[in-house]
Amino acid sequence: MNKILSPKINLKSMDWSKWNFRKFNMMTILGILSYLNILVIIPALFGRKSPFVQFHVRQGIALLIVTVIFSFSFYVPILPILLALFIVICIIIGIINVLTGRERPLPIIGKWAK
């Protein structure tokens, strides 16, 4: 019988000293929740004192409003796919902004959230 040989892979243990876990706190979690559609209610209630969280809550509410408005666009053939892709990209950009500690508005809809 022929044996299938797989290459040996030497996996090193992960170096956790490069990760900064002190940056990942409750404000980061609330900021991430701001971009997850209806879960924007949680940071809106519990993150009122943080200007960082409030910025991302306003961005998340604008994204939620756009999602609700464009959810009625399923009658046009290609438009829902493009809008869903745009919303997913905005969610990813928003979460990256939270994780890096930036207060950048989302593309196109971010200027309305002020």
PDB file of N, CA and C in Angstrom:
ATOM      1  N   MET A   1       0.830  -1.174   0.000  1.00  0.00           N
ATOM      2  CA  MET A   1       0.000   0.000   0.000  1.00  0.00           C
ATOM      3  C   MET A   1       0.876   1.240   0.000  1.00  0.00           C
ATOM      4  N   ASN A   2       0.426   2.211  -0.703  1.00  0.00           N
ATOM      5  CA  ASN A   2       1.149   3.481  -0.718  1.00  0.00           C
ATOM      6  C   ASN A   2       0.733   4.334   0.468  1.00  0.00           C
ATOM      7  N   LYS A   3       1.746   4.851   1.119  1.00  0.00           N
ATOM      8  CA  LYS A   3       1.477   5.744   2.237  1.00  0.00           C
ATOM      9  C   LYS A   3       1.498   7.177   1.723  1.00  0.00           C
ATOM     10  N   ILE A   4       0.578   7.939   2.224  1.00  0.00           N
ATOM     11  CA  ILE A   4       0.579   9.357   1.883  1.00  0.00           C
ATOM     12  C   ILE A   4       1.372  10.068   2.969  1.00  0.00           C
ATOM     13  N   LEU A   5       2.469  10.654   2.537  1.00  0.00           N
ATOM     14  CA  LEU A   5       3.312  11.351   3.492  1.00  0.00           C
ATOM     15  C   LEU A   5       2.950  12.825   3.515  1.00  0.00           C
ATOM     16  N   SER A   6       2.762  13.327   4.695  1.00  0.00           N
ATOM     17  CA  SER A   6       2.494  14.759   4.820  1.00  0.00           C
ATOM     18  C   SER A   6       3.746  15.440   5.354  1.00  0.00           C
ATOM     19  N   PRO A   7       3.975  16.658   4.951  1.00  0.00           N
ATOM     20  CA  PRO A   7       5.174  17.346   5.435  1.00  0.00           C
ATOM     21  C   PRO A   7       5.062  17.626   6.930  1.00  0.00           C
ATOM     22  N   LYS A   8       6.201  17.591   7.577  1.00  0.00           N
ATOM     23  CA  LYS A   8       6.215  17.885   9.001  1.00  0.00           C
ATOM     24  C   LYS A   8       6.192  19.399   9.184  1.00  0.00           C
ATOM     25  N   ILE A   9       5.290  19.816   9.999  1.00  0.00           N
ATOM     26  CA  ILE A   9       5.150  21.243  10.268  1.00  0.00           C
ATOM     27  C   ILE A   9       5.531  21.487  11.716  1.00  0.00           C
ATOM     28  N   ASN A  10       6.453  22.398  11.892  1.00  0.00           N
ATOM     29  CA  ASN A  10       6.895  22.729  13.237  1.00  0.00           C
ATOM     30  C   ASN A  10       6.133  23.962  13.692  1.00  0.00           C
ATOM     31  N   LEU A  11       5.187  23.762  14.576  1.00  0.00           N
ATOM     32  CA  LEU A  11       4.392  24.872  15.070  1.00  0.00           C
ATOM     33  C   LEU A  11       4.999  25.396  16.365  1.00  0.00           C
ATOM     34  N   LYS A  12       5.355  26.654  16.343  1.00  0.00           N
ATOM     35  CA  LYS A  12       5.871  27.268  17.555  1.00  0.00           C
ATOM     36  C   LYS A  12       4.698  27.717  18.410  1.00  0.00           C
ATOM     37  N   SER A  13       4.942  27.794  19.670  1.00  0.00           N
ATOM     38  CA  SER A  13       3.877  28.315  20.522  1.00  0.00           C
ATOM     39  C   SER A  13       3.741  29.810  20.267  1.00  0.00           C
ATOM     40  N   MET A  14       2.547  30.289  20.391  1.00  0.00           N
ATOM     41  CA  MET A  14       2.278  31.690  20.065  1.00  0.00           C
ATOM     42  C   MET A  14       2.879  32.602  21.126  1.00  0.00           C
ATOM     43  N   ASP A  15       3.485  33.676  20.675  1.00  0.00           N
ATOM     44  CA  ASP A  15       4.091  34.642  21.576  1.00  0.00           C
ATOM     45  C   ASP A  15       3.033  35.678  21.964  1.00  0.00           C
ATOM     46  N   TRP A  16       2.471  35.511  23.135  1.00  0.00           N
ATOM     47  CA  TRP A  16       1.394  36.377  23.585  1.00  0.00           C
ATOM     48  C   TRP A  16       1.903  37.727  24.085  1.00  0.00           C
ATOM     49  N   SER A  17       3.211  37.902  24.205  1.00  0.00           N
ATOM     50  CA  SER A  17       3.734  39.174  24.693  1.00  0.00           C
ATOM     51  C   SER A  17       3.549  40.298  23.677  1.00  0.00           C
ATOM     52  N   LYS A  18       3.330  39.948  22.408  1.00  0.00           N
ATOM     53  CA  LYS A  18       3.134  40.971  21.380  1.00  0.00           C
ATOM     54  C   LYS A  18       1.725  41.562  21.424  1.00  0.00           C
ATOM     55  N   TRP A  19       0.792  40.859  22.031  1.00  0.00           N
ATOM     56  CA  TRP A  19      -0.586  41.326  22.087  1.00  0.00           C
ATOM     57  C   TRP A  19      -0.756  42.244  23.287  1.00  0.00           C
ATOM     58  N   ASN A  20      -1.463  43.320  23.100  1.00  0.00           N
ATOM     59  CA  ASN A  20      -1.716  44.255  24.176  1.00  0.00           C
ATOM     60  C   ASN A  20      -3.176  44.097  24.591  1.00  0.00           C
ATOM     61  N   PHE A  21      -3.402  43.309  25.632  1.00  0.00           N
ATOM     62  CA  PHE A  21      -4.764  43.049  26.073  1.00  0.00           C
ATOM     63  C   PHE A  21      -5.319  44.175  26.923  1.00  0.00           C
ATOM     64  N   ARG A  22      -4.478  45.089  27.364  1.00  0.00           N
ATOM     65  CA  ARG A  22      -4.971  46.199  28.169  1.00  0.00           C
ATOM     66  C   ARG A  22      -5.834  47.143  27.350  1.00  0.00           C
ATOM     67  N   LYS A  23      -5.638  47.207  26.042  1.00  0.00           N
ATOM     68  CA  LYS A  23      -6.454  48.056  25.186  1.00  0.00           C
ATOM     69  C   LYS A  23      -7.860  47.493  25.000  1.00  0.00           C
ATOM     70  N   PHE A  24      -8.011  46.206  25.159  1.00  0.00           N
ATOM     71  CA  PHE A  24      -9.297  45.551  24.932  1.00  0.00           C
ATOM     72  C   PHE A  24     -10.087  45.610  26.228  1.00  0.00           C
ATOM     73  N   ASN A  25     -10.926  46.620  26.369  1.00  0.00           N
ATOM     74  CA  ASN A  25     -11.695  46.801  27.592  1.00  0.00           C
ATOM     75  C   ASN A  25     -13.174  46.904  27.257  1.00  0.00           C
ATOM     76  N   MET A  26     -13.962  47.343  28.237  1.00  0.00           N
ATOM     77  CA  MET A  26     -15.402  47.414  28.051  1.00  0.00           C
ATOM     78  C   MET A  26     -15.787  48.430  26.969  1.00  0.00           C
ATOM     79  N   MET A  27     -15.044  49.522  26.845  1.00  0.00           N
ATOM     80  CA  MET A  27     -15.359  50.513  25.817  1.00  0.00           C
ATOM     81  C   MET A  27     -15.145  49.943  24.413  1.00  0.00           C
ATOM     82  N   THR A  28     -14.153  49.083  24.271  1.00  0.00           N
ATOM     83  CA  THR A  28     -13.922  48.433  22.978  1.00  0.00           C
ATOM     84  C   THR A  28     -15.067  47.492  22.637  1.00  0.00           C
ATOM     85  N   ILE A  29     -15.526  46.741  23.616  1.00  0.00           N
ATOM     86  CA  ILE A  29     -16.642  45.812  23.388  1.00  0.00           C
ATOM     87  C   ILE A  29     -17.906  46.587  23.027  1.00  0.00           C
ATOM     88  N   LEU A  30     -18.164  47.672  23.751  1.00  0.00           N
ATOM     89  CA  LEU A  30     -19.342  48.481  23.436  1.00  0.00           C
ATOM     90  C   LEU A  30     -19.219  49.118  22.059  1.00  0.00           C
ATOM     91  N   GLY A  31     -18.013  49.526  21.678  1.00  0.00           N
ATOM     92  CA  GLY A  31     -17.802  50.090  20.348  1.00  0.00           C
ATOM     93  C   GLY A  31     -18.068  49.075  19.252  1.00  0.00           C
ATOM     94  N   ILE A  32     -17.636  47.846  19.470  1.00  0.00           N
ATOM     95  CA  ILE A  32     -17.876  46.788  18.475  1.00  0.00           C
ATOM     96  C   ILE A  32     -19.369  46.494  18.371  1.00  0.00           C
ATOM     97  N   LEU A  33     -20.057  46.445  19.510  1.00  0.00           N
ATOM     98  CA  LEU A  33     -21.495  46.175  19.487  1.00  0.00           C
ATOM     99  C   LEU A  33     -22.272  47.271  18.756  1.00  0.00           C
ATOM    100  N   SER A  34     -21.699  48.462  18.671  1.00  0.00           N
ATOM    101  CA  SER A  34     -22.375  49.570  17.994  1.00  0.00           C
ATOM    102  C   SER A  34     -22.620  49.284  16.520  1.00  0.00           C
ATOM    103  N   TYR A  35     -21.816  48.449  15.929  1.00  0.00           N
ATOM    104  CA  TYR A  35     -21.935  48.181  14.493  1.00  0.00           C
ATOM    105  C   TYR A  35     -22.703  46.903  14.174  1.00  0.00           C
ATOM    106  N   LEU A  36     -23.237  46.248  15.182  1.00  0.00           N
ATOM    107  CA  LEU A  36     -23.933  44.979  14.943  1.00  0.00           C
ATOM    108  C   LEU A  36     -25.444  45.167  15.001  1.00  0.00           C
ATOM    109  N   ASN A  37     -25.947  45.973  14.076  1.00  0.00           N
ATOM    110  CA  ASN A  37     -27.368  46.271  13.860  1.00  0.00           C
ATOM    111  C   ASN A  37     -28.133  46.603  15.131  1.00  0.00           C
ATOM    112  N   ILE A  38     -29.079  45.795  15.541  1.00  0.00           N
ATOM    113  CA  ILE A  38     -29.959  46.133  16.652  1.00  0.00           C
ATOM    114  C   ILE A  38     -29.226  46.118  17.995  1.00  0.00           C
ATOM    115  N   LEU A  39     -28.064  45.508  18.042  1.00  0.00           N
ATOM    116  CA  LEU A  39     -27.283  45.493  19.280  1.00  0.00           C
ATOM    117  C   LEU A  39     -26.720  46.866  19.616  1.00  0.00           C
ATOM    118  N   VAL A  40     -26.950  47.856  18.767  1.00  0.00           N
ATOM    119  CA  VAL A  40     -26.525  49.228  19.039  1.00  0.00           C
ATOM    120  C   VAL A  40     -27.240  49.775  20.277  1.00  0.00           C
ATOM    121  N   ILE A  41     -28.331  49.147  20.678  1.00  0.00           N
ATOM    122  CA  ILE A  41     -29.060  49.576  21.870  1.00  0.00           C
ATOM    123  C   ILE A  41     -28.202  49.410  23.126  1.00  0.00           C
ATOM    124  N   ILE A  42     -27.432  48.342  23.200  1.00  0.00           N
ATOM    125  CA  ILE A  42     -26.615  48.071  24.393  1.00  0.00           C
ATOM    126  C   ILE A  42     -25.582  49.169  24.623  1.00  0.00           C
ATOM    127  N   PRO A  43     -24.750  49.538  23.641  1.00  0.00           N
ATOM    128  CA  PRO A  43     -23.808  50.630  23.894  1.00  0.00           C
ATOM    129  C   PRO A  43     -24.488  51.981  24.078  1.00  0.00           C
ATOM    130  N   ALA A  44     -25.657  52.159  23.458  1.00  0.00           N
ATOM    131  CA  ALA A  44     -26.372  53.427  23.634  1.00  0.00           C
ATOM    132  C   ALA A  44     -26.820  53.599  25.079  1.00  0.00           C
ATOM    133  N   LEU A  45     -27.126  52.497  25.745  1.00  0.00           N
ATOM    134  CA  LEU A  45     -27.558  52.568  27.142  1.00  0.00           C
ATOM    135  C   LEU A  45     -26.385  52.594  28.124  1.00  0.00           C
ATOM    136  N   PHE A  46     -25.358  51.792  27.871  1.00  0.00           N
ATOM    137  CA  PHE A  46     -24.293  51.629  28.853  1.00  0.00           C
ATOM    138  C   PHE A  46     -23.036  52.439  28.579  1.00  0.00           C
ATOM    139  N   GLY A  47     -22.924  53.064  27.420  1.00  0.00           N
ATOM    140  CA  GLY A  47     -21.716  53.811  27.094  1.00  0.00           C
ATOM    141  C   GLY A  47     -21.951  55.302  26.979  1.00  0.00           C
ATOM    142  N   ARG A  48     -22.897  55.826  27.732  1.00  0.00           N
ATOM    143  CA  ARG A  48     -23.276  57.235  27.597  1.00  0.00           C
ATOM    144  C   ARG A  48     -22.181  58.200  28.006  1.00  0.00           C
ATOM    145  N   LYS A  49     -21.322  57.810  28.915  1.00  0.00           N
ATOM    146  CA  LYS A  49     -20.313  58.738  29.431  1.00  0.00           C
ATOM    147  C   LYS A  49     -19.054  58.793  28.577  1.00  0.00           C
ATOM    148  N   SER A  50     -18.897  57.867  27.669  1.00  0.00           N
ATOM    149  CA  SER A  50     -17.692  57.811  26.854  1.00  0.00           C
ATOM    150  C   SER A  50     -17.928  58.462  25.495  1.00  0.00           C
ATOM    151  N   PRO A  51     -17.179  59.536  25.175  1.00  0.00           N
ATOM    152  CA  PRO A  51     -17.336  60.139  23.854  1.00  0.00           C
ATOM    153  C   PRO A  51     -16.935  59.196  22.722  1.00  0.00           C
ATOM    154  N   PHE A  52     -15.961  58.306  22.987  1.00  0.00           N
ATOM    155  CA  PHE A  52     -15.528  57.311  21.995  1.00  0.00           C
ATOM    156  C   PHE A  52     -16.688  56.385  21.638  1.00  0.00           C
ATOM    157  N   VAL A  53     -17.369  55.871  22.655  1.00  0.00           N
ATOM    158  CA  VAL A  53     -18.492  54.955  22.410  1.00  0.00           C
ATOM    159  C   VAL A  53     -19.645  55.707  21.755  1.00  0.00           C
ATOM    160  N   GLN A  54     -19.907  56.930  22.184  1.00  0.00           N
ATOM    161  CA  GLN A  54     -21.005  57.700  21.605  1.00  0.00           C
ATOM    162  C   GLN A  54     -20.786  57.996  20.119  1.00  0.00           C
ATOM    163  N   PHE A  55     -19.536  58.251  19.742  1.00  0.00           N
ATOM    164  CA  PHE A  55     -19.243  58.444  18.318  1.00  0.00           C
ATOM    165  C   PHE A  55     -19.609  57.197  17.532  1.00  0.00           C
ATOM    166  N   HIS A  56     -19.190  56.026  18.022  1.00  0.00           N
ATOM    167  CA  HIS A  56     -19.457  54.787  17.298  1.00  0.00           C
ATOM    168  C   HIS A  56     -20.933  54.392  17.373  1.00  0.00           C
ATOM    169  N   VAL A  57     -21.627  54.788  18.439  1.00  0.00           N
ATOM    170  CA  VAL A  57     -23.068  54.545  18.515  1.00  0.00           C
ATOM    171  C   VAL A  57     -23.782  55.352  17.439  1.00  0.00           C
ATOM    172  N   ARG A  58     -23.397  56.613  17.251  1.00  0.00           N
ATOM    173  CA  ARG A  58     -24.015  57.425  16.192  1.00  0.00           C
ATOM    174  C   ARG A  58     -23.750  56.825  14.815  1.00  0.00           C
ATOM    175  N   GLN A  59     -22.528  56.335  14.593  1.00  0.00           N
ATOM    176  CA  GLN A  59     -22.214  55.684  13.317  1.00  0.00           C
ATOM    177  C   GLN A  59     -23.046  54.410  13.147  1.00  0.00           C
ATOM    178  N   GLY A  60     -23.185  53.637  14.215  1.00  0.00           N
ATOM    179  CA  GLY A  60     -23.960  52.395  14.162  1.00  0.00           C
ATOM    180  C   GLY A  60     -25.435  52.640  13.922  1.00  0.00           C
ATOM    181  N   ILE A  61     -25.977  53.705  14.524  1.00  0.00           N
ATOM    182  CA  ILE A  61     -27.392  54.036  14.294  1.00  0.00           C
ATOM    183  C   ILE A  61     -27.602  54.459  12.842  1.00  0.00           C
ATOM    184  N   ALA A  62     -26.676  55.238  12.296  1.00  0.00           N
ATOM    185  CA  ALA A  62     -26.783  55.626  10.884  1.00  0.00           C
ATOM    186  C   ALA A  62     -26.738  54.391   9.992  1.00  0.00           C
ATOM    187  N   LEU A  63     -25.872  53.442  10.316  1.00  0.00           N
ATOM    188  CA  LEU A  63     -25.785  52.207   9.529  1.00  0.00           C
ATOM    189  C   LEU A  63     -27.059  51.385   9.668  1.00  0.00           C
ATOM    190  N   LEU A  64     -27.640  51.349  10.858  1.00  0.00           N
ATOM    191  CA  LEU A  64     -28.897  50.625  11.063  1.00  0.00           C
ATOM    192  C   LEU A  64     -30.028  51.264  10.269  1.00  0.00           C
ATOM    193  N   ILE A  65     -30.095  52.593  10.262  1.00  0.00           N
ATOM    194  CA  ILE A  65     -31.137  53.278   9.491  1.00  0.00           C
ATOM    195  C   ILE A  65     -30.988  52.995   8.005  1.00  0.00           C
ATOM    196  N   VAL A  66     -29.764  53.031   7.506  1.00  0.00           N
ATOM    197  CA  VAL A  66     -29.527  52.722   6.088  1.00  0.00           C
ATOM    198  C   VAL A  66     -29.915  51.274   5.783  1.00  0.00           C
ATOM    199  N   THR A  67     -29.607  50.373   6.698  1.00  0.00           N
ATOM    200  CA  THR A  67     -29.962  48.961   6.506  1.00  0.00           C
ATOM    201  C   THR A  67     -31.478  48.792   6.426  1.00  0.00           C
ATOM    202  N   VAL A  68     -32.201  49.454   7.320  1.00  0.00           N
ATOM    203  CA  VAL A  68     -33.661  49.335   7.325  1.00  0.00           C
ATOM    204  C   VAL A  68     -34.261  49.955   6.065  1.00  0.00           C
ATOM    205  N   ILE A  69     -33.766  51.128   5.678  1.00  0.00           N
ATOM    206  CA  ILE A  69     -34.306  51.790   4.480  1.00  0.00           C
ATOM    207  C   ILE A  69     -34.049  50.956   3.231  1.00  0.00           C
ATOM    208  N   PHE A  70     -32.849  50.437   3.108  1.00  0.00           N
ATOM    209  CA  PHE A  70     -32.521  49.680   1.902  1.00  0.00           C
ATOM    210  C   PHE A  70     -32.983  48.227   1.952  1.00  0.00           C
ATOM    211  N   SER A  71     -33.574  47.807   3.057  1.00  0.00           N
ATOM    212  CA  SER A  71     -34.096  46.440   3.090  1.00  0.00           C
ATOM    213  C   SER A  71     -35.331  46.304   2.195  1.00  0.00           C
ATOM    214  N   PHE A  72     -35.900  47.444   1.810  1.00  0.00           N
ATOM    215  CA  PHE A  72     -37.051  47.415   0.907  1.00  0.00           C
ATOM    216  C   PHE A  72     -36.641  47.441  -0.560  1.00  0.00           C
ATOM    217  N   SER A  73     -35.355  47.329  -0.836  1.00  0.00           N
ATOM    218  CA  SER A  73     -34.873  47.396  -2.216  1.00  0.00           C
ATOM    219  C   SER A  73     -34.755  46.029  -2.878  1.00  0.00           C
ATOM    220  N   PHE A  74     -35.412  45.034  -2.334  1.00  0.00           N
ATOM    221  CA  PHE A  74     -35.275  43.694  -2.896  1.00  0.00           C
ATOM    222  C   PHE A  74     -36.079  43.494  -4.177  1.00  0.00           C
ATOM    223  N   TYR A  75     -36.736  44.526  -4.625  1.00  0.00           N
ATOM    224  CA  TYR A  75     -37.495  44.407  -5.867  1.00  0.00           C
ATOM    225  C   TYR A  75     -36.650  44.731  -7.095  1.00  0.00           C
ATOM    226  N   VAL A  76     -35.493  45.342  -6.875  1.00  0.00           N
ATOM    227  CA  VAL A  76     -34.579  45.664  -7.972  1.00  0.00           C
ATOM    228  C   VAL A  76     -33.551  44.533  -8.047  1.00  0.00           C
ATOM    229  N   PRO A  77     -33.252  43.984  -9.211  1.00  0.00           N
ATOM    230  CA  PRO A  77     -32.454  42.760  -9.305  1.00  0.00           C
ATOM    231  C   PRO A  77     -31.068  42.770  -8.651  1.00  0.00           C
ATOM    232  N   ILE A  78     -30.180  43.694  -8.956  1.00  0.00           N
ATOM    233  CA  ILE A  78     -28.798  43.618  -8.477  1.00  0.00           C
ATOM    234  C   ILE A  78     -28.564  44.485  -7.251  1.00  0.00           C
ATOM    235  N   LEU A  79     -29.405  45.433  -7.018  1.00  0.00           N
ATOM    236  CA  LEU A  79     -29.225  46.397  -5.948  1.00  0.00           C
ATOM    237  C   LEU A  79     -29.086  45.772  -4.553  1.00  0.00           C
ATOM    238  N   PRO A  80     -29.869  44.770  -4.177  1.00  0.00           N
ATOM    239  CA  PRO A  80     -29.714  44.196  -2.830  1.00  0.00           C
ATOM    240  C   PRO A  80     -28.339  43.589  -2.582  1.00  0.00           C
ATOM    241  N   ILE A  81     -27.770  42.981  -3.602  1.00  0.00           N
ATOM    242  CA  ILE A  81     -26.445  42.377  -3.438  1.00  0.00           C
ATOM    243  C   ILE A  81     -25.401  43.457  -3.198  1.00  0.00           C
ATOM    244  N   LEU A  82     -25.474  44.524  -3.968  1.00  0.00           N
ATOM    245  CA  LEU A  82     -24.525  45.625  -3.805  1.00  0.00           C
ATOM    246  C   LEU A  82     -24.695  46.308  -2.456  1.00  0.00           C
ATOM    247  N   LEU A  83     -25.945  46.504  -2.032  1.00  0.00           N
ATOM    248  CA  LEU A  83     -26.185  47.151  -0.744  1.00  0.00           C
ATOM    249  C   LEU A  83     -25.745  46.272   0.418  1.00  0.00           C
ATOM    250  N   ALA A  84     -25.978  44.977   0.322  1.00  0.00           N
ATOM    251  CA  ALA A  84     -25.530  44.069   1.378  1.00  0.00           C
ATOM    252  C   ALA A  84     -24.011  44.063   1.469  1.00  0.00           C
ATOM    253  N   LEU A  85     -23.344  44.084   0.336  1.00  0.00           N
ATOM    254  CA  LEU A  85     -21.884  44.143   0.320  1.00  0.00           C
ATOM    255  C   LEU A  85     -21.393  45.458   0.937  1.00  0.00           C
ATOM    256  N   PHE A  86     -22.053  46.570   0.597  1.00  0.00           N
ATOM    257  CA  PHE A  86     -21.688  47.869   1.165  1.00  0.00           C
ATOM    258  C   PHE A  86     -21.865  47.878   2.682  1.00  0.00           C
ATOM    259  N   ILE A  87     -22.960  47.312   3.171  1.00  0.00           N
ATOM    260  CA  ILE A  87     -23.221  47.291   4.614  1.00  0.00           C
ATOM    261  C   ILE A  87     -22.205  46.428   5.334  1.00  0.00           C
ATOM    262  N   VAL A  88     -21.869  45.284   4.773  1.00  0.00           N
ATOM    263  CA  VAL A  88     -20.860  44.415   5.399  1.00  0.00           C
ATOM    264  C   VAL A  88     -19.499  45.111   5.423  1.00  0.00           C
ATOM    265  N   ILE A  89     -19.155  45.791   4.353  1.00  0.00           N
ATOM    266  CA  ILE A  89     -17.876  46.524   4.324  1.00  0.00           C
ATOM    267  C   ILE A  89     -17.875  47.631   5.375  1.00  0.00           C
ATOM    268  N   CYS A  90     -18.995  48.329   5.520  1.00  0.00           N
ATOM    269  CA  CYS A  90     -19.081  49.379   6.547  1.00  0.00           C
ATOM    270  C   CYS A  90     -18.953  48.802   7.951  1.00  0.00           C
ATOM    271  N   ILE A  91     -19.556  47.652   8.194  1.00  0.00           N
ATOM    272  CA  ILE A  91     -19.441  47.005   9.504  1.00  0.00           C
ATOM    273  C   ILE A  91     -17.988  46.651   9.780  1.00  0.00           C
ATOM    274  N   ILE A  92     -17.300  46.087   8.803  1.00  0.00           N
ATOM    275  CA  ILE A  92     -15.894  45.714   8.982  1.00  0.00           C
ATOM    276  C   ILE A  92     -15.030  46.949   9.221  1.00  0.00           C
ATOM    277  N   ILE A  93     -15.258  48.012   8.453  1.00  0.00           N
ATOM    278  CA  ILE A  93     -14.491  49.246   8.642  1.00  0.00           C
ATOM    279  C   ILE A  93     -14.746  49.823  10.030  1.00  0.00           C
ATOM    280  N   GLY A  94     -16.003  49.802  10.463  1.00  0.00           N
ATOM    281  CA  GLY A  94     -16.333  50.318  11.787  1.00  0.00           C
ATOM    282  C   GLY A  94     -15.663  49.539  12.898  1.00  0.00           C
ATOM    283  N   ILE A  95     -15.666  48.220  12.803  1.00  0.00           N
ATOM    284  CA  ILE A  95     -15.036  47.390  13.833  1.00  0.00           C
ATOM    285  C   ILE A  95     -13.524  47.597  13.832  1.00  0.00           C
ATOM    286  N   ILE A  96     -12.929  47.727  12.667  1.00  0.00           N
ATOM    287  CA  ILE A  96     -11.484  48.003  12.601  1.00  0.00           C
ATOM    288  C   ILE A  96     -11.175  49.356  13.235  1.00  0.00           C
ATOM    289  N   ASN A  97     -12.022  50.351  12.992  1.00  0.00           N
ATOM    290  CA  ASN A  97     -11.824  51.653  13.620  1.00  0.00           C
ATOM    291  C   ASN A  97     -11.904  51.570  15.140  1.00  0.00           C
ATOM    292  N   VAL A  98     -12.822  50.771  15.646  1.00  0.00           N
ATOM    293  CA  VAL A  98     -12.930  50.601  17.097  1.00  0.00           C
ATOM    294  C   VAL A  98     -11.686  49.922  17.642  1.00  0.00           C
ATOM    295  N   LEU A  99     -11.248  48.859  16.993  1.00  0.00           N
ATOM    296  CA  LEU A  99     -10.102  48.102  17.496  1.00  0.00           C
ATOM    297  C   LEU A  99      -8.803  48.895  17.439  1.00  0.00           C
ATOM    298  N   THR A 100      -8.712  49.836  16.513  1.00  0.00           N
ATOM    299  CA  THR A 100      -7.510  50.657  16.430  1.00  0.00           C
ATOM    300  C   THR A 100      -7.644  51.957  17.215  1.00  0.00           C
ATOM    301  N   GLY A 101      -8.815  52.204  17.790  1.00  0.00           N
ATOM    302  CA  GLY A 101      -9.013  53.377  18.624  1.00  0.00           C
ATOM    303  C   GLY A 101      -9.239  54.663  17.865  1.00  0.00           C
ATOM    304  N   ARG A 102      -9.672  54.577  16.621  1.00  0.00           N
ATOM    305  CA  ARG A 102      -9.888  55.769  15.796  1.00  0.00           C
ATOM    306  C   ARG A 102     -11.360  56.162  15.782  1.00  0.00           C
ATOM    307  N   GLU A 103     -11.599  57.429  15.553  1.00  0.00           N
ATOM    308  CA  GLU A 103     -12.957  57.931  15.393  1.00  0.00           C
ATOM    309  C   GLU A 103     -13.123  58.465  13.974  1.00  0.00           C
ATOM    310  N   ARG A 104     -13.089  57.583  13.023  1.00  0.00           N
ATOM    311  CA  ARG A 104     -13.260  57.949  11.612  1.00  0.00           C
ATOM    312  C   ARG A 104     -14.684  57.627  11.194  1.00  0.00           C
ATOM    313  N   PRO A 105     -15.303  58.539  10.440  1.00  0.00           N
ATOM    314  CA  PRO A 105     -16.657  58.251   9.965  1.00  0.00           C
ATOM    315  C   PRO A 105     -16.656  57.152   8.899  1.00  0.00           C
ATOM    316  N   LEU A 106     -17.769  56.462   8.823  1.00  0.00           N
ATOM    317  CA  LEU A 106     -17.928  55.423   7.807  1.00  0.00           C
ATOM    318  C   LEU A 106     -18.028  56.066   6.431  1.00  0.00           C
ATOM    319  N   PRO A 107     -17.665  55.334   5.385  1.00  0.00           N
ATOM    320  CA  PRO A 107     -17.786  55.901   4.041  1.00  0.00           C
ATOM    321  C   PRO A 107     -19.249  56.181   3.682  1.00  0.00           C
ATOM    322  N   ILE A 108     -19.478  57.269   3.033  1.00  0.00           N
ATOM    323  CA  ILE A 108     -20.751  57.742   2.499  1.00  0.00           C
ATOM    324  C   ILE A 108     -21.766  58.090   3.603  1.00  0.00           C
ATOM    325  N   ILE A 109     -22.070  57.190   4.525  1.00  0.00           N
ATOM    326  CA  ILE A 109     -23.106  57.438   5.520  1.00  0.00           C
ATOM    327  C   ILE A 109     -22.570  58.066   6.806  1.00  0.00           C
ATOM    328  N   GLY A 110     -21.290  58.083   6.985  1.00  0.00           N
ATOM    329  CA  GLY A 110     -20.711  58.592   8.230  1.00  0.00           C
ATOM    330  C   GLY A 110     -20.909  60.076   8.439  1.00  0.00           C
ATOM    331  N   LYS A 111     -20.998  60.835   7.365  1.00  0.00           N
ATOM    332  CA  LYS A 111     -21.167  62.284   7.496  1.00  0.00           C
ATOM    333  C   LYS A 111     -22.555  62.649   8.008  1.00  0.00           C
ATOM    334  N   TRP A 112     -23.547  61.778   7.851  1.00  0.00           N
ATOM    335  CA  TRP A 112     -24.888  62.044   8.348  1.00  0.00           C
ATOM    336  C   TRP A 112     -25.026  61.747   9.832  1.00  0.00           C
ATOM    337  N   ALA A 113     -24.079  61.057  10.409  1.00  0.00           N
ATOM    338  CA  ALA A 113     -24.179  60.617  11.806  1.00  0.00           C
ATOM    339  C   ALA A 113     -23.718  61.670  12.793  1.00  0.00           C
ATOM    340  N   LYS A 114     -23.340  62.827  12.327  1.00  0.00           N
ATOM    341  CA  LYS A 114     -22.877  63.866  13.245  1.00  0.00           C
ATOM    342  C   LYS A 114     -24.055  64.517  13.859  1.00  0.00           C
TER     343      LYS A 114
END
